[in-house]
Amino acid sequence: MKRTIATLLLASLLLPLTAACDDDKDDAPTPAATATGAVATATAVASPAASATPAELPPIVIDTPAAGARVTSPLRVTGSSNVFEATTIARIVDAASGELAEQAVTATSGTGTRGTFDASIAFAVDVEQPGKLIMFEPSAKDGTPQNVVEVPLILVP
């Protein structure tokens, strides 16, 4: 009897999780960038969200834009994060690593709970050139970048 109750309890906890994962979308991986360490920099890779549980995902996952995308202003950035107070910084830099824009991005939840974000960041360039979207979690101690994620882009006027 105890075993049956335990099995039913476990099933009732797992069923909503599996239902949330089955969103009837194409199972093909989506382009994304992920952070892999406290101050490590990751480059764009296939989204880990397709095969990872929320606990296995890195602190910051960028779903769009994809690596190498040609982008114009404003740049739309979407993804998910699990960072302190749900706050990340998004920075766009040009070919010479000069800062074109910086904006705080807040996810729907954070600090132990993965939330989603969707932000538009305005920037200006005179000519088409390589650039990067850089997202990171500012350290609660001193603001230094942590969990840095870089996505190489082509910035278009």
N, C-alpha and C. Protein backbone atom coordinates (compact mmCIF):
# COMPACT_ATOMS: atom_id res chain seq x y z
N MET A 1 0.83 -1.19 0.00
CA MET A 1 0.00 0.00 0.00
C MET A 1 0.87 1.25 0.00
N LYS A 2 1.90 1.29 0.87
CA LYS A 2 2.78 2.44 0.92
C LYS A 2 3.50 2.64 -0.41
N ARG A 3 3.88 1.53 -1.04
CA ARG A 3 4.58 1.60 -2.33
C ARG A 3 3.66 2.19 -3.40
N THR A 4 2.39 1.83 -3.41
CA THR A 4 1.43 2.35 -4.37
C THR A 4 1.23 3.85 -4.16
N ILE A 5 1.11 4.27 -2.92
CA ILE A 5 0.94 5.69 -2.61
C ILE A 5 2.18 6.47 -3.05
N ALA A 6 3.36 5.93 -2.77
CA ALA A 6 4.59 6.59 -3.18
C ALA A 6 4.68 6.71 -4.69
N THR A 7 4.28 5.65 -5.40
CA THR A 7 4.30 5.66 -6.87
C THR A 7 3.32 6.70 -7.40
N LEU A 8 2.13 6.76 -6.84
CA LEU A 8 1.14 7.75 -7.27
C LEU A 8 1.61 9.17 -6.99
N LEU A 9 2.23 9.37 -5.84
CA LEU A 9 2.75 10.69 -5.49
C LEU A 9 3.83 11.12 -6.47
N LEU A 10 4.74 10.21 -6.77
CA LEU A 10 5.81 10.50 -7.72
C LEU A 10 5.24 10.81 -9.10
N ALA A 11 4.27 10.04 -9.54
CA ALA A 11 3.64 10.26 -10.85
C ALA A 11 2.94 11.60 -10.89
N SER A 12 2.27 11.97 -9.79
CA SER A 12 1.56 13.26 -9.78
C SER A 12 2.53 14.43 -9.82
N LEU A 13 3.74 14.24 -9.33
CA LEU A 13 4.74 15.30 -9.39
C LEU A 13 5.40 15.37 -10.76
N LEU A 14 5.62 14.24 -11.39
CA LEU A 14 6.31 14.21 -12.69
C LEU A 14 5.40 14.52 -13.85
N LEU A 15 4.12 14.20 -13.78
CA LEU A 15 3.21 14.41 -14.89
C LEU A 15 3.15 15.88 -15.33
N PRO A 16 2.99 16.85 -14.42
CA PRO A 16 2.98 18.25 -14.88
C PRO A 16 4.31 18.66 -15.53
N LEU A 17 5.40 18.11 -15.06
CA LEU A 17 6.70 18.45 -15.65
C LEU A 17 6.82 17.93 -17.06
N THR A 18 6.40 16.69 -17.29
CA THR A 18 6.48 16.13 -18.64
C THR A 18 5.48 16.80 -19.55
N ALA A 19 4.34 17.20 -19.07
CA ALA A 19 3.35 17.89 -19.89
C ALA A 19 3.88 19.25 -20.30
N ALA A 20 4.58 19.93 -19.40
CA ALA A 20 5.14 21.25 -19.72
C ALA A 20 6.23 21.14 -20.77
N CYS A 21 6.93 20.03 -20.81
CA CYS A 21 7.99 19.84 -21.79
C CYS A 21 7.44 19.51 -23.16
N ASP A 22 6.25 18.95 -23.27
CA ASP A 22 5.67 18.56 -24.55
C ASP A 22 4.81 19.70 -25.06
N ASP A 23 5.43 20.61 -25.85
CA ASP A 23 4.71 21.78 -26.33
C ASP A 23 4.36 21.66 -27.80
N ASP A 24 4.41 20.45 -28.37
CA ASP A 24 4.05 20.19 -29.75
C ASP A 24 4.85 20.99 -30.75
N LYS A 25 6.04 21.43 -30.39
CA LYS A 25 6.91 22.15 -31.30
C LYS A 25 7.85 21.15 -31.95
N ASP A 26 8.44 21.58 -33.05
CA ASP A 26 9.42 20.77 -33.75
C ASP A 26 10.56 20.43 -32.79
N ASP A 27 11.01 19.21 -32.80
CA ASP A 27 12.06 18.78 -31.89
C ASP A 27 13.45 19.16 -32.35
N ALA A 28 13.59 19.85 -33.48
CA ALA A 28 14.91 20.25 -33.95
C ALA A 28 15.49 21.27 -32.99
N PRO A 29 16.79 21.15 -32.70
CA PRO A 29 17.40 22.12 -31.79
C PRO A 29 17.38 23.52 -32.40
N THR A 30 17.27 24.52 -31.52
CA THR A 30 17.30 25.90 -31.97
C THR A 30 18.66 26.49 -31.65
N PRO A 31 19.11 27.47 -32.45
CA PRO A 31 20.40 28.09 -32.17
C PRO A 31 20.34 28.79 -30.82
N ALA A 32 21.42 28.71 -30.08
CA ALA A 32 21.48 29.38 -28.79
C ALA A 32 22.91 29.51 -28.35
N ALA A 33 23.11 30.31 -27.34
CA ALA A 33 24.41 30.42 -26.72
C ALA A 33 24.22 30.16 -25.25
N THR A 34 25.21 29.58 -24.61
CA THR A 34 25.07 29.25 -23.21
C THR A 34 26.34 29.60 -22.45
N ALA A 35 26.17 29.90 -21.19
CA ALA A 35 27.32 30.14 -20.33
C ALA A 35 27.67 28.85 -19.65
N THR A 36 28.96 28.59 -19.49
CA THR A 36 29.35 27.31 -18.92
C THR A 36 30.09 27.44 -17.60
N GLY A 37 30.41 28.62 -17.15
CA GLY A 37 31.14 28.74 -15.91
C GLY A 37 30.97 30.11 -15.30
N ALA A 38 31.56 30.30 -14.13
CA ALA A 38 31.39 31.54 -13.40
C ALA A 38 31.88 32.74 -14.19
N VAL A 39 33.00 32.63 -14.86
CA VAL A 39 33.50 33.74 -15.65
C VAL A 39 33.90 33.24 -17.03
N ALA A 40 33.45 32.07 -17.39
CA ALA A 40 33.79 31.49 -18.68
C ALA A 40 32.97 32.15 -19.78
N THR A 41 33.48 32.11 -20.99
CA THR A 41 32.77 32.64 -22.14
C THR A 41 32.43 31.47 -23.05
N ALA A 42 31.18 31.40 -23.45
CA ALA A 42 30.75 30.34 -24.35
C ALA A 42 30.38 30.94 -25.68
N THR A 43 30.51 30.17 -26.73
CA THR A 43 30.07 30.63 -28.04
C THR A 43 28.76 29.96 -28.38
N ALA A 44 28.16 30.38 -29.46
CA ALA A 44 26.84 29.88 -29.82
C ALA A 44 26.88 28.39 -30.13
N VAL A 45 25.90 27.68 -29.60
CA VAL A 45 25.75 26.24 -29.81
C VAL A 45 24.27 25.93 -29.94
N ALA A 46 23.95 24.70 -30.32
CA ALA A 46 22.55 24.29 -30.36
C ALA A 46 21.98 24.40 -28.96
N SER A 47 20.74 24.81 -28.89
CA SER A 47 20.09 25.02 -27.61
C SER A 47 20.09 23.76 -26.77
N PRO A 48 20.57 23.85 -25.51
CA PRO A 48 20.55 22.69 -24.64
C PRO A 48 19.15 22.42 -24.10
N ALA A 49 18.23 23.35 -24.31
CA ALA A 49 16.89 23.21 -23.74
C ALA A 49 16.15 21.99 -24.26
N ALA A 50 16.49 21.55 -25.48
CA ALA A 50 15.78 20.41 -26.06
C ALA A 50 16.05 19.11 -25.31
N SER A 51 17.24 18.98 -24.72
CA SER A 51 17.57 17.72 -24.07
C SER A 51 17.87 17.85 -22.58
N ALA A 52 17.93 19.05 -22.07
CA ALA A 52 18.31 19.24 -20.67
C ALA A 52 17.11 19.59 -19.82
N THR A 53 17.17 19.20 -18.56
CA THR A 53 16.16 19.62 -17.61
C THR A 53 16.55 21.01 -17.13
N PRO A 54 15.61 21.78 -16.56
CA PRO A 54 15.95 23.12 -16.10
C PRO A 54 17.15 23.15 -15.14
N ALA A 55 17.29 22.11 -14.31
CA ALA A 55 18.41 22.07 -13.37
C ALA A 55 19.75 21.88 -14.08
N GLU A 56 19.75 21.30 -15.30
CA GLU A 56 20.98 21.05 -16.03
C GLU A 56 21.40 22.21 -16.91
N LEU A 57 20.50 23.17 -17.15
CA LEU A 57 20.82 24.29 -18.04
C LEU A 57 21.82 25.23 -17.38
N PRO A 58 22.65 25.89 -18.19
CA PRO A 58 23.56 26.89 -17.64
C PRO A 58 22.76 28.11 -17.16
N PRO A 59 23.39 28.99 -16.40
CA PRO A 59 22.66 30.13 -15.84
C PRO A 59 21.99 31.02 -16.89
N ILE A 60 22.61 31.20 -18.05
CA ILE A 60 22.05 32.07 -19.10
C ILE A 60 22.01 31.30 -20.41
N VAL A 61 20.84 31.24 -21.03
CA VAL A 61 20.67 30.62 -22.35
C VAL A 61 20.06 31.66 -23.28
N ILE A 62 20.72 31.93 -24.39
CA ILE A 62 20.19 32.87 -25.39
C ILE A 62 19.61 32.04 -26.53
N ASP A 63 18.32 32.22 -26.78
CA ASP A 63 17.66 31.51 -27.87
C ASP A 63 17.77 32.29 -29.19
N THR A 64 17.56 33.59 -29.13
CA THR A 64 17.74 34.46 -30.30
C THR A 64 18.44 35.72 -29.86
N PRO A 65 19.31 36.24 -30.70
CA PRO A 65 19.60 35.88 -32.09
C PRO A 65 20.55 34.68 -32.17
N ALA A 66 20.55 34.04 -33.32
CA ALA A 66 21.46 32.92 -33.57
C ALA A 66 22.84 33.44 -33.90
N ALA A 67 23.85 32.65 -33.64
CA ALA A 67 25.22 33.01 -33.96
C ALA A 67 25.34 33.29 -35.46
N GLY A 68 26.00 34.38 -35.80
CA GLY A 68 26.22 34.74 -37.20
C GLY A 68 25.06 35.45 -37.86
N ALA A 69 23.98 35.70 -37.12
CA ALA A 69 22.80 36.34 -37.70
C ALA A 69 23.12 37.78 -38.11
N ARG A 70 22.50 38.22 -39.21
CA ARG A 70 22.57 39.62 -39.64
C ARG A 70 21.45 40.33 -38.90
N VAL A 71 21.79 41.34 -38.09
CA VAL A 71 20.79 41.99 -37.25
C VAL A 71 20.79 43.49 -37.45
N THR A 72 19.62 44.08 -37.28
CA THR A 72 19.46 45.52 -37.33
C THR A 72 18.91 45.98 -35.98
N SER A 73 18.93 47.28 -35.78
CA SER A 73 18.42 47.85 -34.53
C SER A 73 16.91 48.04 -34.64
N PRO A 74 16.18 47.78 -33.59
CA PRO A 74 16.62 47.25 -32.30
C PRO A 74 16.81 45.73 -32.38
N LEU A 75 17.81 45.24 -31.67
CA LEU A 75 18.10 43.81 -31.61
C LEU A 75 17.17 43.16 -30.60
N ARG A 76 16.42 42.15 -31.04
CA ARG A 76 15.54 41.41 -30.12
C ARG A 76 16.33 40.22 -29.57
N VAL A 77 16.36 40.13 -28.25
CA VAL A 77 17.07 39.07 -27.54
C VAL A 77 16.06 38.28 -26.71
N THR A 78 16.05 36.95 -26.91
CA THR A 78 15.16 36.10 -26.11
C THR A 78 15.95 34.94 -25.54
N GLY A 79 15.47 34.41 -24.44
CA GLY A 79 16.12 33.27 -23.82
C GLY A 79 15.60 33.03 -22.42
N SER A 80 16.43 32.38 -21.62
CA SER A 80 16.05 32.10 -20.24
C SER A 80 17.28 32.20 -19.35
N SER A 81 17.02 32.41 -18.07
CA SER A 81 18.13 32.51 -17.12
C SER A 81 17.67 32.10 -15.73
N ASN A 82 18.66 31.76 -14.92
CA ASN A 82 18.46 31.49 -13.51
C ASN A 82 19.62 32.17 -12.81
N VAL A 83 19.44 33.47 -12.55
CA VAL A 83 20.51 34.30 -11.98
C VAL A 83 19.96 35.12 -10.82
N PHE A 84 20.87 35.71 -10.06
CA PHE A 84 20.52 36.50 -8.88
C PHE A 84 19.57 37.63 -9.26
N GLU A 85 18.44 37.70 -8.59
CA GLU A 85 17.41 38.71 -8.78
C GLU A 85 16.95 38.83 -10.23
N ALA A 86 17.10 37.75 -11.01
CA ALA A 86 16.61 37.65 -12.39
C ALA A 86 17.21 38.71 -13.32
N THR A 87 18.36 39.27 -12.95
CA THR A 87 18.92 40.38 -13.72
C THR A 87 20.19 40.00 -14.45
N THR A 88 20.20 40.26 -15.75
CA THR A 88 21.40 40.12 -16.57
C THR A 88 21.66 41.45 -17.27
N ILE A 89 22.85 41.60 -17.79
CA ILE A 89 23.21 42.77 -18.59
C ILE A 89 23.44 42.28 -20.02
N ALA A 90 22.84 42.99 -20.98
CA ALA A 90 23.05 42.70 -22.40
C ALA A 90 23.86 43.86 -22.97
N ARG A 91 24.91 43.51 -23.66
CA ARG A 91 25.80 44.53 -24.24
C ARG A 91 26.02 44.18 -25.72
N ILE A 92 25.96 45.18 -26.58
CA ILE A 92 26.28 45.00 -27.99
C ILE A 92 27.58 45.74 -28.25
N VAL A 93 28.55 45.03 -28.84
CA VAL A 93 29.84 45.64 -29.15
C VAL A 93 30.10 45.53 -30.65
N ASP A 94 30.89 46.49 -31.17
CA ASP A 94 31.20 46.50 -32.60
C ASP A 94 32.45 45.69 -32.89
N ALA A 95 32.94 45.79 -34.12
CA ALA A 95 34.10 45.00 -34.57
C ALA A 95 35.34 45.29 -33.74
N ALA A 96 35.47 46.49 -33.22
CA ALA A 96 36.64 46.86 -32.42
C ALA A 96 36.38 46.69 -30.92
N SER A 97 35.32 45.97 -30.58
CA SER A 97 34.90 45.74 -29.19
C SER A 97 34.46 47.02 -28.48
N GLY A 98 34.12 48.04 -29.27
CA GLY A 98 33.56 49.26 -28.69
C GLY A 98 32.10 49.05 -28.33
N GLU A 99 31.71 49.54 -27.19
CA GLU A 99 30.34 49.35 -26.72
C GLU A 99 29.37 50.23 -27.51
N LEU A 100 28.37 49.61 -28.11
CA LEU A 100 27.33 50.33 -28.85
C LEU A 100 26.08 50.50 -28.00
N ALA A 101 25.82 49.55 -27.12
CA ALA A 101 24.63 49.61 -26.27
C ALA A 101 24.82 48.70 -25.08
N GLU A 102 24.16 49.06 -23.99
CA GLU A 102 24.13 48.21 -22.79
C GLU A 102 22.78 48.41 -22.13
N GLN A 103 22.19 47.30 -21.71
CA GLN A 103 20.85 47.37 -21.12
C GLN A 103 20.68 46.25 -20.10
N ALA A 104 20.07 46.58 -18.98
CA ALA A 104 19.69 45.54 -18.02
C ALA A 104 18.49 44.79 -18.57
N VAL A 105 18.52 43.47 -18.42
CA VAL A 105 17.43 42.61 -18.89
C VAL A 105 16.95 41.79 -17.70
N THR A 106 15.66 41.84 -17.43
CA THR A 106 15.10 41.12 -16.30
C THR A 106 14.25 39.95 -16.79
N ALA A 107 14.52 38.78 -16.24
CA ALA A 107 13.74 37.59 -16.57
C ALA A 107 12.48 37.54 -15.72
N THR A 108 11.59 36.62 -16.05
CA THR A 108 10.33 36.49 -15.32
C THR A 108 10.52 35.97 -13.91
N SER A 109 11.65 35.31 -13.63
CA SER A 109 11.97 34.88 -12.27
C SER A 109 13.46 34.60 -12.20
N GLY A 110 13.96 34.41 -11.00
CA GLY A 110 15.40 34.17 -10.84
C GLY A 110 15.72 33.69 -9.45
N THR A 111 17.02 33.63 -9.15
CA THR A 111 17.53 33.16 -7.87
C THR A 111 16.92 31.82 -7.48
N GLY A 112 17.26 30.80 -8.27
CA GLY A 112 16.79 29.45 -7.97
C GLY A 112 15.65 28.98 -8.85
N THR A 113 15.07 29.87 -9.63
CA THR A 113 13.98 29.52 -10.53
C THR A 113 14.28 30.08 -11.91
N ARG A 114 14.24 29.23 -12.93
CA ARG A 114 14.51 29.69 -14.30
C ARG A 114 13.35 30.53 -14.80
N GLY A 115 13.69 31.69 -15.38
CA GLY A 115 12.70 32.57 -15.97
C GLY A 115 13.07 32.88 -17.41
N THR A 116 12.14 33.42 -18.16
CA THR A 116 12.40 33.78 -19.55
C THR A 116 12.59 35.29 -19.67
N PHE A 117 13.27 35.70 -20.73
CA PHE A 117 13.42 37.13 -21.00
C PHE A 117 13.19 37.39 -22.48
N ASP A 118 12.79 38.62 -22.78
CA ASP A 118 12.53 39.08 -24.15
C ASP A 118 12.78 40.58 -24.12
N ALA A 119 13.86 41.03 -24.76
CA ALA A 119 14.23 42.44 -24.72
C ALA A 119 14.59 42.93 -26.11
N SER A 120 14.41 44.23 -26.31
CA SER A 120 14.84 44.90 -27.55
C SER A 120 15.88 45.94 -27.17
N ILE A 121 17.01 45.89 -27.89
CA ILE A 121 18.14 46.77 -27.55
C ILE A 121 18.50 47.59 -28.78
N ALA A 122 18.40 48.89 -28.68
CA ALA A 122 18.72 49.79 -29.79
C ALA A 122 20.23 49.99 -29.88
N PHE A 123 20.74 50.04 -31.11
CA PHE A 123 22.15 50.32 -31.36
C PHE A 123 22.26 51.01 -32.72
N ALA A 124 23.41 51.59 -33.01
CA ALA A 124 23.61 52.26 -34.30
C ALA A 124 25.00 51.95 -34.83
N VAL A 125 25.06 51.58 -36.12
CA VAL A 125 26.32 51.42 -36.84
C VAL A 125 26.17 52.10 -38.19
N ASP A 126 27.28 52.61 -38.73
CA ASP A 126 27.25 53.29 -40.02
C ASP A 126 27.44 52.33 -41.18
N VAL A 127 28.19 51.26 -40.94
CA VAL A 127 28.47 50.27 -41.98
C VAL A 127 28.24 48.88 -41.41
N GLU A 128 27.97 47.93 -42.32
CA GLU A 128 27.83 46.53 -41.89
C GLU A 128 29.17 46.05 -41.35
N GLN A 129 29.13 45.36 -40.22
CA GLN A 129 30.37 44.91 -39.59
C GLN A 129 30.10 43.79 -38.60
N PRO A 130 31.15 43.01 -38.29
CA PRO A 130 30.99 42.00 -37.25
C PRO A 130 30.82 42.67 -35.89
N GLY A 131 30.14 42.01 -35.03
CA GLY A 131 29.95 42.49 -33.66
C GLY A 131 29.56 41.33 -32.78
N LYS A 132 29.17 41.63 -31.56
CA LYS A 132 28.77 40.58 -30.62
C LYS A 132 27.67 41.08 -29.71
N LEU A 133 26.81 40.14 -29.33
CA LEU A 133 25.92 40.33 -28.20
C LEU A 133 26.60 39.64 -27.04
N ILE A 134 26.79 40.36 -25.95
CA ILE A 134 27.40 39.79 -24.75
C ILE A 134 26.38 39.92 -23.62
N MET A 135 26.05 38.79 -22.99
CA MET A 135 25.16 38.82 -21.83
C MET A 135 25.89 38.21 -20.65
N PHE A 136 25.63 38.78 -19.48
CA PHE A 136 26.26 38.26 -18.28
C PHE A 136 25.44 38.62 -17.05
N GLU A 137 25.75 37.91 -15.99
CA GLU A 137 25.17 38.18 -14.68
C GLU A 137 26.17 39.04 -13.92
N PRO A 138 25.76 40.24 -13.49
CA PRO A 138 26.69 41.04 -12.69
C PRO A 138 26.83 40.45 -11.28
N SER A 139 28.06 40.37 -10.80
CA SER A 139 28.30 39.85 -9.46
C SER A 139 27.56 40.69 -8.43
N ALA A 140 26.88 40.02 -7.50
CA ALA A 140 26.20 40.73 -6.42
C ALA A 140 27.20 41.43 -5.51
N LYS A 141 28.43 40.93 -5.49
CA LYS A 141 29.47 41.50 -4.63
C LYS A 141 30.04 42.80 -5.20
N ASP A 142 30.45 42.76 -6.49
CA ASP A 142 31.14 43.94 -7.04
C ASP A 142 30.75 44.29 -8.48
N GLY A 143 29.76 43.61 -9.04
CA GLY A 143 29.29 43.93 -10.38
C GLY A 143 30.09 43.34 -11.52
N THR A 144 31.17 42.62 -11.22
CA THR A 144 31.98 42.04 -12.30
C THR A 144 31.16 41.00 -13.06
N PRO A 145 31.41 40.85 -14.36
CA PRO A 145 30.65 39.89 -15.17
C PRO A 145 30.89 38.44 -14.74
N GLN A 146 29.80 37.70 -14.62
CA GLN A 146 29.83 36.26 -14.33
C GLN A 146 28.93 35.57 -15.34
N ASN A 147 29.21 34.31 -15.63
CA ASN A 147 28.39 33.52 -16.55
C ASN A 147 28.23 34.24 -17.89
N VAL A 148 29.34 34.69 -18.44
CA VAL A 148 29.36 35.46 -19.67
C VAL A 148 28.99 34.59 -20.87
N VAL A 149 28.11 35.11 -21.73
CA VAL A 149 27.70 34.44 -22.96
C VAL A 149 27.92 35.42 -24.11
N GLU A 150 28.60 34.97 -25.15
CA GLU A 150 28.85 35.82 -26.32
C GLU A 150 28.25 35.17 -27.56
N VAL A 151 27.56 35.99 -28.36
CA VAL A 151 26.98 35.54 -29.61
C VAL A 151 27.54 36.42 -30.72
N PRO A 152 28.36 35.87 -31.62
CA PRO A 152 28.88 36.67 -32.74
C PRO A 152 27.75 37.00 -33.73
N LEU A 153 27.72 38.26 -34.19
CA LEU A 153 26.66 38.73 -35.07
C LEU A 153 27.25 39.55 -36.21
N ILE A 154 26.43 39.83 -37.20
CA ILE A 154 26.74 40.81 -38.23
C ILE A 154 25.80 41.97 -37.99
N LEU A 155 26.37 43.12 -37.63
CA LEU A 155 25.57 44.32 -37.33
C LEU A 155 25.34 45.08 -38.64
N VAL A 156 24.08 45.38 -38.92
CA VAL A 156 23.69 46.02 -40.17
C VAL A 156 23.04 47.37 -39.85
N PRO A 157 23.42 48.44 -40.61
CA PRO A 157 22.82 49.76 -40.36
C PRO A 157 21.30 49.76 -40.60
